[in-house]
C-alpha atoms as a PDB file:
ATOM      1  CA  UNK A   1      14.560  19.698   4.309  1.00  0.00           C
ATOM      2  CA  UNK A   2      10.794  19.952   4.453  1.00  0.00           C
ATOM      3  CA  UNK A   3       9.164  16.688   5.429  1.00  0.00           C
ATOM      4  CA  UNK A   4       6.608  15.203   3.046  1.00  0.00           C
ATOM      5  CA  UNK A   5       3.195  14.116   4.394  1.00  0.00           C
ATOM      6  CA  UNK A   6       2.596  10.373   4.700  1.00  0.00           C
ATOM      7  CA  UNK A   7      -0.208   8.428   6.362  1.00  0.00           C
ATOM      8  CA  UNK A   8       0.715   4.829   7.212  1.00  0.00           C
ATOM      9  CA  UNK A   9      -1.820   2.157   8.159  1.00  0.00           C
ATOM     10  CA  UNK A  10      -0.424  -1.077   9.573  1.00  0.00           C
ATOM     11  CA  UNK A  11      -1.635  -4.115  11.430  1.00  0.00           C
ATOM     12  CA  UNK A  12      -1.988  -7.884  11.157  1.00  0.00           C
ATOM     13  CA  UNK A  13      -3.582  -9.664   8.236  1.00  0.00           C
ATOM     14  CA  UNK A  14      -7.415  -9.738   8.208  1.00  0.00           C
ATOM     15  CA  UNK A  15      -7.749  -6.810  10.642  1.00  0.00           C
ATOM     16  CA  UNK A  16      -9.471  -4.599   8.046  1.00  0.00           C
ATOM     17  CA  UNK A  17      -6.672  -2.341   6.757  1.00  0.00           C
ATOM     18  CA  UNK A  18      -7.747  -2.452   3.106  1.00  0.00           C
ATOM     19  CA  UNK A  19     -11.384  -1.422   3.547  1.00  0.00           C
ATOM     20  CA  UNK A  20     -10.580   1.334   6.033  1.00  0.00           C
ATOM     21  CA  UNK A  21      -7.755   2.759   3.913  1.00  0.00           C
ATOM     22  CA  UNK A  22      -9.976   3.015   0.829  1.00  0.00           C
ATOM     23  CA  UNK A  23     -12.667   4.893   2.777  1.00  0.00           C
ATOM     24  CA  UNK A  24      -9.974   7.110   4.310  1.00  0.00           C
ATOM     25  CA  UNK A  25      -8.501   7.877   0.878  1.00  0.00           C
ATOM     26  CA  UNK A  26     -11.947   8.979  -0.322  1.00  0.00           C
ATOM     27  CA  UNK A  27     -12.268  11.293   2.695  1.00  0.00           C
ATOM     28  CA  UNK A  28      -8.843  12.973   2.578  1.00  0.00           C
ATOM     29  CA  UNK A  29      -8.214  12.988  -1.197  1.00  0.00           C
ATOM     30  CA  UNK A  30      -5.604  10.272  -0.910  1.00  0.00           C
ATOM     31  CA  UNK A  31      -4.037   7.557  -3.045  1.00  0.00           C
ATOM     32  CA  UNK A  32      -2.752   4.236  -1.742  1.00  0.00           C
ATOM     33  CA  UNK A  33       0.726   2.715  -1.861  1.00  0.00           C
ATOM     34  CA  UNK A  34       0.553  -0.974  -0.998  1.00  0.00           C
ATOM     35  CA  UNK A  35       3.115  -2.303   1.476  1.00  0.00           C
ATOM     36  CA  UNK A  36       2.446  -5.986   0.948  1.00  0.00           C
ATOM     37  CA  UNK A  37       5.231  -8.288  -0.224  1.00  0.00           C
ATOM     38  CA  UNK A  38       2.790 -10.605  -2.035  1.00  0.00           C
ATOM     39  CA  UNK A  39       0.402  -8.129  -3.651  1.00  0.00           C
ATOM     40  CA  UNK A  40       3.225  -6.863  -5.892  1.00  0.00           C
ATOM     41  CA  UNK A  41       2.794 -10.031  -7.983  1.00  0.00           C
ATOM     42  CA  UNK A  42       0.498 -10.255 -11.004  1.00  0.00           C
ATOM     43  CA  UNK A  43      -2.034 -13.114 -11.274  1.00  0.00           C
ATOM     44  CA  UNK A  44      -1.945 -13.639  -7.490  1.00  0.00           C
ATOM     45  CA  UNK A  45      -5.185 -12.054  -6.361  1.00  0.00           C
ATOM     46  CA  UNK A  46      -7.247 -14.362  -4.183  1.00  0.00           C
ATOM     47  CA  UNK A  47      -4.433 -15.735  -2.015  1.00  0.00           C
ATOM     48  CA  UNK A  48      -3.043 -12.235  -1.377  1.00  0.00           C
ATOM     49  CA  UNK A  49      -6.493 -10.770  -0.516  1.00  0.00           C
ATOM     50  CA  UNK A  50      -5.933  -8.068  -3.136  1.00  0.00           C
ATOM     51  CA  UNK A  51      -8.771  -5.533  -3.308  1.00  0.00           C
ATOM     52  CA  UNK A  52     -10.781  -5.997  -6.492  1.00  0.00           C
ATOM     53  CA  UNK A  53     -11.201  -3.023  -8.864  1.00  0.00           C
ATOM     54  CA  UNK A  54     -14.769  -2.651  -7.534  1.00  0.00           C
ATOM     55  CA  UNK A  55     -13.592  -2.673  -3.906  1.00  0.00           C
ATOM     56  CA  UNK A  56     -11.035   0.040  -4.688  1.00  0.00           C
ATOM     57  CA  UNK A  57     -13.925   2.458  -5.417  1.00  0.00           C
ATOM     58  CA  UNK A  58     -11.905   4.447  -7.927  1.00  0.00           C
ATOM     59  CA  UNK A  59      -9.026   5.082  -5.492  1.00  0.00           C
ATOM     60  CA  UNK A  60      -5.677   4.787  -7.301  1.00  0.00           C
ATOM     61  CA  UNK A  61      -3.454   2.024  -5.889  1.00  0.00           C
ATOM     62  CA  UNK A  62       0.294   1.642  -6.468  1.00  0.00           C
ATOM     63  CA  UNK A  63       2.561  -1.385  -6.098  1.00  0.00           C
ATOM     64  CA  UNK A  64      -0.176  -3.895  -6.886  1.00  0.00           C
ATOM     65  CA  UNK A  65       0.519  -6.203  -9.870  1.00  0.00           C
ATOM     66  CA  UNK A  66       3.959  -4.665 -10.287  1.00  0.00           C
ATOM     67  CA  UNK A  67       5.915  -7.765 -11.360  1.00  0.00           C
ATOM     68  CA  UNK A  68       5.429 -11.296 -12.698  1.00  0.00           C
ATOM     69  CA  UNK A  69       5.632 -14.135 -10.127  1.00  0.00           C
ATOM     70  CA  UNK A  70       9.050 -15.210 -11.441  1.00  0.00           C
ATOM     71  CA  UNK A  71      10.633 -11.742 -11.262  1.00  0.00           C
ATOM     72  CA  UNK A  72      13.148 -10.884  -8.553  1.00  0.00           C
ATOM     73  CA  UNK A  73      11.660  -8.255  -6.244  1.00  0.00           C
ATOM     74  CA  UNK A  74      13.852  -6.887  -3.459  1.00  0.00           C
ATOM     75  CA  UNK A  75      13.273  -4.572  -0.518  1.00  0.00           C
ATOM     76  CA  UNK A  76      15.570  -2.046  -2.216  1.00  0.00           C
ATOM     77  CA  UNK A  77      13.431  -2.139  -5.350  1.00  0.00           C
ATOM     78  CA  UNK A  78      10.295  -1.692  -3.256  1.00  0.00           C
ATOM     79  CA  UNK A  79      11.772   1.383  -1.577  1.00  0.00           C
ATOM     80  CA  UNK A  80      12.814   2.939  -4.874  1.00  0.00           C
ATOM     81  CA  UNK A  81       9.341   2.481  -6.365  1.00  0.00           C
ATOM     82  CA  UNK A  82       7.457   3.488  -3.218  1.00  0.00           C
ATOM     83  CA  UNK A  83       9.479   6.708  -2.856  1.00  0.00           C
ATOM     84  CA  UNK A  84       8.768   7.575  -6.502  1.00  0.00           C
ATOM     85  CA  UNK A  85       5.036   6.852  -6.186  1.00  0.00           C
ATOM     86  CA  UNK A  86       4.747   8.889  -2.985  1.00  0.00           C
ATOM     87  CA  UNK A  87       6.363  11.857  -4.758  1.00  0.00           C
ATOM     88  CA  UNK A  88       3.974  11.374  -7.684  1.00  0.00           C
ATOM     89  CA  UNK A  89       0.933  11.386  -5.383  1.00  0.00           C
ATOM     90  CA  UNK A  90       2.139  14.550  -3.612  1.00  0.00           C
ATOM     91  CA  UNK A  91       2.756  16.233  -6.989  1.00  0.00           C
ATOM     92  CA  UNK A  92      -0.959  15.715  -7.698  1.00  0.00           C
ATOM     93  CA  UNK A  93      -1.841  17.526  -4.431  1.00  0.00           C
ATOM     94  CA  UNK A  94      -3.090  14.289  -2.942  1.00  0.00           C
ATOM     95  CA  UNK A  95      -2.201  12.550   0.332  1.00  0.00           C
ATOM     96  CA  UNK A  96      -0.134   9.340   0.073  1.00  0.00           C
ATOM     97  CA  UNK A  97      -1.433   6.513   2.273  1.00  0.00           C
ATOM     98  CA  UNK A  98       0.896   3.550   2.722  1.00  0.00           C
ATOM     99  CA  UNK A  99      -1.046   0.437   3.706  1.00  0.00           C
ATOM    100  CA  UNK A 100       0.098  -3.069   4.502  1.00  0.00           C
ATOM    101  CA  UNK A 101       1.474  -5.652   6.827  1.00  0.00           C
ATOM    102  CA  UNK A 102       5.037  -6.086   5.528  1.00  0.00           C
ATOM    103  CA  UNK A 103       6.917  -4.244   8.264  1.00  0.00           C
ATOM    104  CA  UNK A 104      10.308  -4.394   6.552  1.00  0.00           C
ATOM    105  CA  UNK A 105       8.945  -2.631   3.452  1.00  0.00           C
ATOM    106  CA  UNK A 106       7.334   0.102   5.568  1.00  0.00           C
ATOM    107  CA  UNK A 107      10.383   0.727   7.764  1.00  0.00           C
ATOM    108  CA  UNK A 108      12.716   0.858   4.782  1.00  0.00           C
ATOM    109  CA  UNK A 109      10.657   3.734   3.348  1.00  0.00           C
ATOM    110  CA  UNK A 110       9.799   5.756   6.468  1.00  0.00           C
ATOM    111  CA  UNK A 111      13.284   5.442   7.962  1.00  0.00           C
ATOM    112  CA  UNK A 112      14.967   6.003   4.594  1.00  0.00           C
ATOM    113  CA  UNK A 113      17.051   2.845   4.941  1.00  0.00           C
ATOM    114  CA  UNK A 114      19.579   2.599   2.114  1.00  0.00           C
ATOM    115  CA  UNK A 115      19.992  -0.970   0.887  1.00  0.00           C
ATOM    116  CA  UNK A 116      22.194  -0.817  -2.167  1.00  0.00           C
ATOM    117  CA  UNK A 117      21.007  -2.993  -5.033  1.00  0.00           C
ATOM    118  CA  UNK A 118      24.545  -2.881  -6.406  1.00  0.00           C
ATOM    119  CA  UNK A 119      25.487  -5.607  -3.912  1.00  0.00           C
ATOM    120  CA  UNK A 120      24.474  -8.684  -5.840  1.00  0.00           C
ATOM    121  CA  UNK A 121      26.325 -11.992  -5.857  1.00  0.00           C
ATOM    122  CA  UNK A 122      24.206 -14.734  -7.428  1.00  0.00           C
ATOM    123  CA  UNK A 123      26.931 -17.330  -6.882  1.00  0.00           C
ATOM    124  CA  UNK A 124      27.007 -16.665  -3.139  1.00  0.00           C
ATOM    125  CA  UNK A 125      23.194 -16.696  -2.975  1.00  0.00           C
ATOM    126  CA  UNK A 126      23.076 -20.067  -4.769  1.00  0.00           C
ATOM    127  CA  UNK A 127      25.754 -21.427  -2.440  1.00  0.00           C
ATOM    128  CA  UNK A 128      23.654 -20.443   0.611  1.00  0.00           C
ATOM    129  CA  UNK A 129      20.476 -21.864  -0.965  1.00  0.00           C
ATOM    130  CA  UNK A 130      22.266 -25.195  -1.509  1.00  0.00           C
ATOM    131  CA  UNK A 131      23.432 -25.161   2.116  1.00  0.00           C
ATOM    132  CA  UNK A 132      19.825 -24.622   3.204  1.00  0.00           C
ATOM    133  CA  UNK A 133      18.666 -27.547   1.038  1.00  0.00           C
ATOM    134  CA  UNK A 134      21.380 -29.850   2.371  1.00  0.00           C
ATOM    135  CA  UNK A 135      21.521 -28.800   6.022  1.00  0.00           C
ATOM    136  CA  UNK A 136      18.230 -26.961   6.587  1.00  0.00           C
ATOM    137  CA  UNK A 137      17.222 -23.318   6.909  1.00  0.00           C
ATOM    138  CA  UNK A 138      18.315 -23.326  10.565  1.00  0.00           C
ATOM    139  CA  UNK A 139      21.930 -23.865   9.489  1.00  0.00           C
ATOM    140  CA  UNK A 140      21.938 -20.737   7.281  1.00  0.00           C
ATOM    141  CA  UNK A 141      20.059 -18.797   9.956  1.00  0.00           C
ATOM    142  CA  UNK A 142      22.798 -19.773  12.447  1.00  0.00           C
ATOM    143  CA  UNK A 143      25.432 -18.373  10.057  1.00  0.00           C
ATOM    144  CA  UNK A 144      23.619 -15.043  10.241  1.00  0.00           C
ATOM    145  CA  UNK A 145      23.338 -15.298  14.022  1.00  0.00           C
ATOM    146  CA  UNK A 146      27.138 -15.436  14.231  1.00  0.00           C
ATOM    147  CA  UNK A 147      27.701 -12.173  12.304  1.00  0.00           C
ATOM    148  CA  UNK A 148      24.462 -10.264  12.876  1.00  0.00           C
ATOM    149  CA  UNK A 149      22.514 -11.523  15.919  1.00  0.00           C
ATOM    150  CA  UNK A 150      20.117  -8.562  15.735  1.00  0.00           C
ATOM    151  CA  UNK A 151      18.956  -9.433  12.192  1.00  0.00           C
ATOM    152  CA  UNK A 152      18.850 -13.134  13.061  1.00  0.00           C
ATOM    153  CA  UNK A 153      16.530 -12.342  15.969  1.00  0.00           C
ATOM    154  CA  UNK A 154      14.283 -10.240  13.712  1.00  0.00           C
ATOM    155  CA  UNK A 155      14.147 -12.559  10.682  1.00  0.00           C
ATOM    156  CA  UNK A 156      12.192 -15.809  10.840  1.00  0.00           C
ATOM    157  CA  UNK A 157      14.259 -18.929  10.260  1.00  0.00           C
ATOM    158  CA  UNK A 158      12.180 -19.749   7.150  1.00  0.00           C
ATOM    159  CA  UNK A 159      12.516 -16.261   5.642  1.00  0.00           C
ATOM    160  CA  UNK A 160      15.455 -17.661   3.688  1.00  0.00           C
ATOM    161  CA  UNK A 161      15.561 -14.938   1.042  1.00  0.00           C
ATOM    162  CA  UNK A 162      16.063 -12.136   3.584  1.00  0.00           C
ATOM    163  CA  UNK A 163      18.445 -14.208   5.709  1.00  0.00           C
ATOM    164  CA  UNK A 164      20.579 -14.735   2.581  1.00  0.00           C
ATOM    165  CA  UNK A 165      20.348 -11.022   1.716  1.00  0.00           C
ATOM    166  CA  UNK A 166      21.576 -10.081   5.205  1.00  0.00           C
ATOM    167  CA  UNK A 167      24.547 -12.468   4.859  1.00  0.00           C
ATOM    168  CA  UNK A 168      25.305 -11.065   1.402  1.00  0.00           C
ATOM    169  CA  UNK A 169      25.360  -7.457   2.681  1.00  0.00           C
ATOM    170  CA  UNK A 170      27.673  -8.503   5.537  1.00  0.00           C
ATOM    171  CA  UNK A 171      30.018 -10.334   3.163  1.00  0.00           C
ATOM    172  CA  UNK A 172      30.497  -7.280   0.943  1.00  0.00           C
ATOM    173  CA  UNK A 173      30.482  -4.458   3.485  1.00  0.00           C
ATOM    174  CA  UNK A 174      31.802  -6.132   6.625  1.00  0.00           C
ATOM    175  CA  UNK A 175      28.969  -4.376   8.448  1.00  0.00           C
ATOM    176  CA  UNK A 176      25.744  -6.143   9.568  1.00  0.00           C
ATOM    177  CA  UNK A 177      22.623  -5.077   7.680  1.00  0.00           C
ATOM    178  CA  UNK A 178      21.100  -4.146  11.058  1.00  0.00           C
ATOM    179  CA  UNK A 179      23.892  -1.543  11.500  1.00  0.00           C
ATOM    180  CA  UNK A 180      23.181  -0.099   8.033  1.00  0.00           C
ATOM    181  CA  UNK A 181      19.553   0.194   9.098  1.00  0.00           C
ATOM    182  CA  UNK A 182      20.456   1.724  12.465  1.00  0.00           C
ATOM    183  CA  UNK A 183      22.594   4.359  10.736  1.00  0.00           C
ATOM    184  CA  UNK A 184      19.762   5.227   8.355  1.00  0.00           C
ATOM    185  CA  UNK A 185      17.313   5.556  11.246  1.00  0.00           C
ATOM    186  CA  UNK A 186      19.596   8.035  13.003  1.00  0.00           C
ATOM    187  CA  UNK A 187      18.837  10.466  10.158  1.00  0.00           C
ATOM    188  CA  UNK A 188      15.519  12.349  10.308  1.00  0.00           C
ATOM    189  CA  UNK A 189      12.692  10.711   8.348  1.00  0.00           C
ATOM    190  CA  UNK A 190      11.937  12.425   5.026  1.00  0.00           C
ATOM    191  CA  UNK A 191       8.261  12.125   5.976  1.00  0.00           C
ATOM    192  CA  UNK A 192       5.883  13.884   8.320  1.00  0.00           C
ATOM    193  CA  UNK A 193       4.187  10.747   9.580  1.00  0.00           C
ATOM    194  CA  UNK A 194       0.799   9.774  10.907  1.00  0.00           C
ATOM    195  CA  UNK A 195       1.178   6.051  11.660  1.00  0.00           C
ATOM    196  CA  UNK A 196      -1.977   4.198  12.614  1.00  0.00           C
ATOM    197  CA  UNK A 197      -2.020   0.596  13.805  1.00  0.00           C
ATOM    198  CA  UNK A 198      -5.214  -1.453  13.711  1.00  0.00           C
ATOM    199  CA  UNK A 199      -5.651  -4.266  16.195  1.00  0.00           C
ATOM    200  CA  UNK A 200      -8.424  -6.259  17.846  1.00  0.00           C
ATOM    201  CA  UNK A 201      -9.000  -9.021  20.364  1.00  0.00           C
ATOM    202  CA  UNK A 202      -6.768 -11.969  19.401  1.00  0.00           C
ATOM    203  CA  UNK A 203      -9.629 -14.504  19.467  1.00  0.00           C
ATOM    204  CA  UNK A 204     -11.757 -12.357  17.157  1.00  0.00           C
ATOM    205  CA  UNK A 205      -8.809 -11.770  14.802  1.00  0.00           C
ATOM    206  CA  UNK A 206      -8.198 -15.526  14.547  1.00  0.00           C
ATOM    207  CA  UNK A 207     -11.898 -16.085  13.812  1.00  0.00           C
ATOM    208  CA  UNK A 208     -11.653 -13.518  11.012  1.00  0.00           C
ATOM    209  CA  UNK A 209      -8.536 -15.233   9.625  1.00  0.00           C
ATOM    210  CA  UNK A 210     -10.270 -18.629   9.590  1.00  0.00           C
ATOM    211  CA  UNK A 211     -13.324 -17.121   7.881  1.00  0.00           C
ATOM    212  CA  UNK A 212     -11.167 -15.329   5.325  1.00  0.00           C
ATOM    213  CA  UNK A 213      -9.409 -18.566   4.368  1.00  0.00           C
ATOM    214  CA  UNK A 214     -12.811 -20.251   3.884  1.00  0.00           C
ATOM    215  CA  UNK A 215     -13.858 -17.322   1.660  1.00  0.00           C
ATOM    216  CA  UNK A 216     -10.637 -17.597  -0.359  1.00  0.00           C
ATOM    217  CA  UNK A 217     -11.388 -21.260  -1.004  1.00  0.00           C
ATOM    218  CA  UNK A 218     -14.937 -20.369  -2.115  1.00  0.00           C
ATOM    219  CA  UNK A 219     -13.556 -17.636  -4.399  1.00  0.00           C
ATOM    220  CA  UNK A 220     -11.285 -20.146  -6.152  1.00  0.00           C
ATOM    221  CA  UNK A 221      -7.878 -20.070  -4.441  1.00  0.00           C
ATOM    222  CA  UNK A 222      -7.141 -23.648  -5.489  1.00  0.00           C
ATOM    223  CA  UNK A 223      -7.984 -22.850  -9.133  1.00  0.00           C
ATOM    224  CA  UNK A 224      -5.801 -19.719  -8.975  1.00  0.00           C
ATOM    225  CA  UNK A 225      -2.827 -21.805  -7.805  1.00  0.00           C
ATOM    226  CA  UNK A 226      -3.450 -24.497 -10.455  1.00  0.00           C
ATOM    227  CA  UNK A 227      -3.525 -21.790 -13.131  1.00  0.00           C
ATOM    228  CA  UNK A 228      -0.190 -20.349 -11.948  1.00  0.00           C
ATOM    229  CA  UNK A 229       1.406 -23.808 -12.122  1.00  0.00           C
ATOM    230  CA  UNK A 230      -0.113 -24.319 -15.596  1.00  0.00           C
ATOM    231  CA  UNK A 231       1.421 -20.993 -16.657  1.00  0.00           C
ATOM    232  CA  UNK A 232       4.808 -22.488 -15.820  1.00  0.00           C
ATOM    233  CA  UNK A 233       5.502 -20.824 -12.489  1.00  0.00           C
ATOM    234  CA  UNK A 234       7.566 -23.208 -10.363  1.00  0.00           C
ATOM    235  CA  UNK A 235       6.718 -24.072  -6.768  1.00  0.00           C
ATOM    236  CA  UNK A 236      10.331 -23.111  -5.923  1.00  0.00           C
ATOM    237  CA  UNK A 237       9.744 -19.412  -6.659  1.00  0.00           C
ATOM    238  CA  UNK A 238       9.676 -16.998  -3.715  1.00  0.00           C
ATOM    239  CA  UNK A 239       6.194 -15.862  -4.779  1.00  0.00           C
ATOM    240  CA  UNK A 240       4.843 -19.422  -4.852  1.00  0.00           C
ATOM    241  CA  UNK A 241       6.021 -20.009  -1.290  1.00  0.00           C
ATOM    242  CA  UNK A 242       3.704 -17.292  -0.024  1.00  0.00           C
ATOM    243  CA  UNK A 243       0.819 -18.033   2.324  1.00  0.00           C
ATOM    244  CA  UNK A 244      -2.001 -19.790   0.518  1.00  0.00           C
ATOM    245  CA  UNK A 245       0.090 -20.801  -2.463  1.00  0.00           C
ATOM    246  CA  UNK A 246       2.503 -23.103  -0.669  1.00  0.00           C
ATOM    247  CA  UNK A 247      -0.303 -24.960   1.133  1.00  0.00           C
ATOM    248  CA  UNK A 248      -2.420 -25.417  -2.023  1.00  0.00           C
ATOM    249  CA  UNK A 249       0.654 -26.625  -3.959  1.00  0.00           C
ATOM    250  CA  UNK A 250       1.267 -29.274  -1.289  1.00  0.00           C
ATOM    251  CA  UNK A 251      -2.288 -30.534  -1.870  1.00  0.00           C
ATOM    252  CA  UNK A 252      -1.937 -30.407  -5.674  1.00  0.00           C
ATOM    253  CA  UNK A 253       1.268 -32.471  -5.439  1.00  0.00           C
ATOM    254  CA  UNK A 254      -0.498 -35.034  -3.241  1.00  0.00           C
ATOM    255  CA  UNK A 255       1.473 -34.201  -0.106  1.00  0.00           C
ATOM    256  CA  UNK A 256      -1.619 -33.402   1.996  1.00  0.00           C
ATOM    257  CA  UNK A 257      -5.387 -33.732   1.749  1.00  0.00           C
ATOM    258  CA  UNK A 258      -7.368 -30.603   0.852  1.00  0.00           C
ATOM    259  CA  UNK A 259      -8.834 -30.462   4.345  1.00  0.00           C
ATOM    260  CA  UNK A 260      -5.333 -30.614   5.872  1.00  0.00           C
ATOM    261  CA  UNK A 261      -4.048 -27.947   3.457  1.00  0.00           C
ATOM    262  CA  UNK A 262      -6.841 -25.556   4.470  1.00  0.00           C
ATOM    263  CA  UNK A 263      -6.235 -26.136   8.195  1.00  0.00           C
ATOM    264  CA  UNK A 264      -2.463 -25.654   7.755  1.00  0.00           C
ATOM    265  CA  UNK A 265      -3.136 -22.406   5.871  1.00  0.00           C
ATOM    266  CA  UNK A 266      -5.345 -21.139   8.707  1.00  0.00           C
ATOM    267  CA  UNK A 267      -2.704 -22.049  11.279  1.00  0.00           C
ATOM    268  CA  UNK A 268       0.147 -20.492   9.265  1.00  0.00           C
ATOM    269  CA  UNK A 269      -1.857 -17.297   8.740  1.00  0.00           C
ATOM    270  CA  UNK A 270      -2.607 -17.020  12.468  1.00  0.00           C
ATOM    271  CA  UNK A 271       1.107 -17.425  13.199  1.00  0.00           C
ATOM    272  CA  UNK A 272       1.951 -14.796  10.589  1.00  0.00           C
ATOM    273  CA  UNK A 273      -0.508 -12.344  12.179  1.00  0.00           C
ATOM    274  CA  UNK A 274       1.168 -12.907  15.542  1.00  0.00           C
ATOM    275  CA  UNK A 275       4.605 -12.146  14.042  1.00  0.00           C
ATOM    276  CA  UNK A 276       3.244  -8.997  12.386  1.00  0.00           C
ATOM    277  CA  UNK A 277       1.907  -7.715  15.705  1.00  0.00           C
ATOM    278  CA  UNK A 278       5.240  -8.455  17.419  1.00  0.00           C
ATOM    279  CA  UNK A 279       7.058  -6.445  14.711  1.00  0.00           C
ATOM    280  CA  UNK A 280       4.746  -3.427  14.781  1.00  0.00           C
ATOM    281  CA  UNK A 281       4.439  -3.279  18.585  1.00  0.00           C
ATOM    282  CA  UNK A 282       8.125  -2.292  18.744  1.00  0.00           C
ATOM    283  CA  UNK A 283       7.490   0.952  16.834  1.00  0.00           C
ATOM    284  CA  UNK A 284       6.553   3.633  19.353  1.00  0.00           C
ATOM    285  CA  UNK A 285       5.443   6.035  16.592  1.00  0.00           C
ATOM    286  CA  UNK A 286       2.329   3.978  15.925  1.00  0.00           C
ATOM    287  CA  UNK A 287      -1.012   5.198  17.268  1.00  0.00           C
ATOM    288  CA  UNK A 288      -2.997   2.036  17.992  1.00  0.00           C
ATOM    289  CA  UNK A 289      -6.730   1.740  17.466  1.00  0.00           C
ATOM    290  CA  UNK A 290      -8.267  -1.301  19.160  1.00  0.00           C
ATOM    291  CA  UNK A 291     -11.256  -2.253  17.003  1.00  0.00           C
ATOM    292  CA  UNK A 292     -14.334  -3.423  18.908  1.00  0.00           C
ATOM    293  CA  UNK A 293     -17.110  -5.529  17.385  1.00  0.00           C
ATOM    294  CA  UNK A 294     -19.525  -2.681  18.154  1.00  0.00           C
ATOM    295  CA  UNK A 295     -17.431  -0.070  16.253  1.00  0.00           C
ATOM    296  CA  UNK A 296     -18.938   1.282  13.051  1.00  0.00           C
ATOM    297  CA  UNK A 297     -16.756   2.166  10.050  1.00  0.00           C
ATOM    298  CA  UNK A 298     -17.627   5.815  10.683  1.00  0.00           C
ATOM    299  CA  UNK A 299     -16.392   5.671  14.306  1.00  0.00           C
ATOM    300  CA  UNK A 300     -13.092   4.151  13.175  1.00  0.00           C
ATOM    301  CA  UNK A 301     -12.820   6.771  10.440  1.00  0.00           C
ATOM    302  CA  UNK A 302     -13.302   9.593  12.941  1.00  0.00           C
ATOM    303  CA  UNK A 303     -10.504   8.226  15.162  1.00  0.00           C
ATOM    304  CA  UNK A 304      -8.171   8.035  12.174  1.00  0.00           C
ATOM    305  CA  UNK A 305      -9.071  11.513  10.914  1.00  0.00           C
ATOM    306  CA  UNK A 306      -8.599  13.050  14.341  1.00  0.00           C
ATOM    307  CA  UNK A 307      -5.096  11.569  14.629  1.00  0.00           C
ATOM    308  CA  UNK A 308      -4.125  12.551  11.058  1.00  0.00           C
ATOM    309  CA  UNK A 309      -5.304  16.134  11.678  1.00  0.00           C
ATOM    310  CA  UNK A 310      -3.439  16.231  14.995  1.00  0.00           C
ATOM    311  CA  UNK A 311      -0.231  15.415  13.070  1.00  0.00           C
ATOM    312  CA  UNK A 312      -0.842  18.314  10.702  1.00  0.00           C
ATOM    313  CA  UNK A 313      -1.282  16.232   7.571  1.00  0.00           C
ATOM    314  CA  UNK A 314      -4.773  17.415   6.591  1.00  0.00           C
END
């Protein structure tokens, strides 16, 4: 089977993936497939740092604004859509560029991991959610640790939705989800890959994160969250527990001051960036570019182009 070309750009939040990928798409006749678990939601623009139509510079983006905030959106559904969009881009004689920081989404596509959507037991999911409410997320995470220590190690204790999904897959197949993934990875990837990771000095990255949060507040993050609540979207939705939304909701409900909410958001985003880097560092296929303050966009572009050409994609 002939491998399909795919450029992948990964890295922590606020490192500059979006801007670079748009410029790269313009240079190599590419279109972008977002790999961001929050940008799939409509009406959630500021808190997800979604590129505005102007910032996209005419480059076609896929998997932005795909579903309403109260729609179920699984990893399996992401893979199905991403695979279809990549094929569509290639059929137009363009280069697909997958961009984002949601490592699970990216790995599911590039390693062709099969996660059957036919396994679906709402009763069992609700049972586990109730257990988490009564005994805490740690209790449910420990249940996973007993049957699938590898997935438990990889999934954060508060990533309840994916912890529950892993338990659900184990219940119905008797095989840990990590083993399903391992089996998929043993097959050759359907893609000829050029994976580029963007990173920078940790102190500088954290400064950028703090600045970005301040910009989000200036752009109207609080108003965006109020509007979502006014539209009837519950704080209990997976989408509304995303970074930026959860913290603003806590302020709106009088659980913190605005100043505290902003500081908590900065801290949570820094922690998220650290987890992203830990995830991506494990993948030896990634070619890392350490961004320096003195680097121009053109210098970064040249490094990316050189690596993409070296991998025979353009």
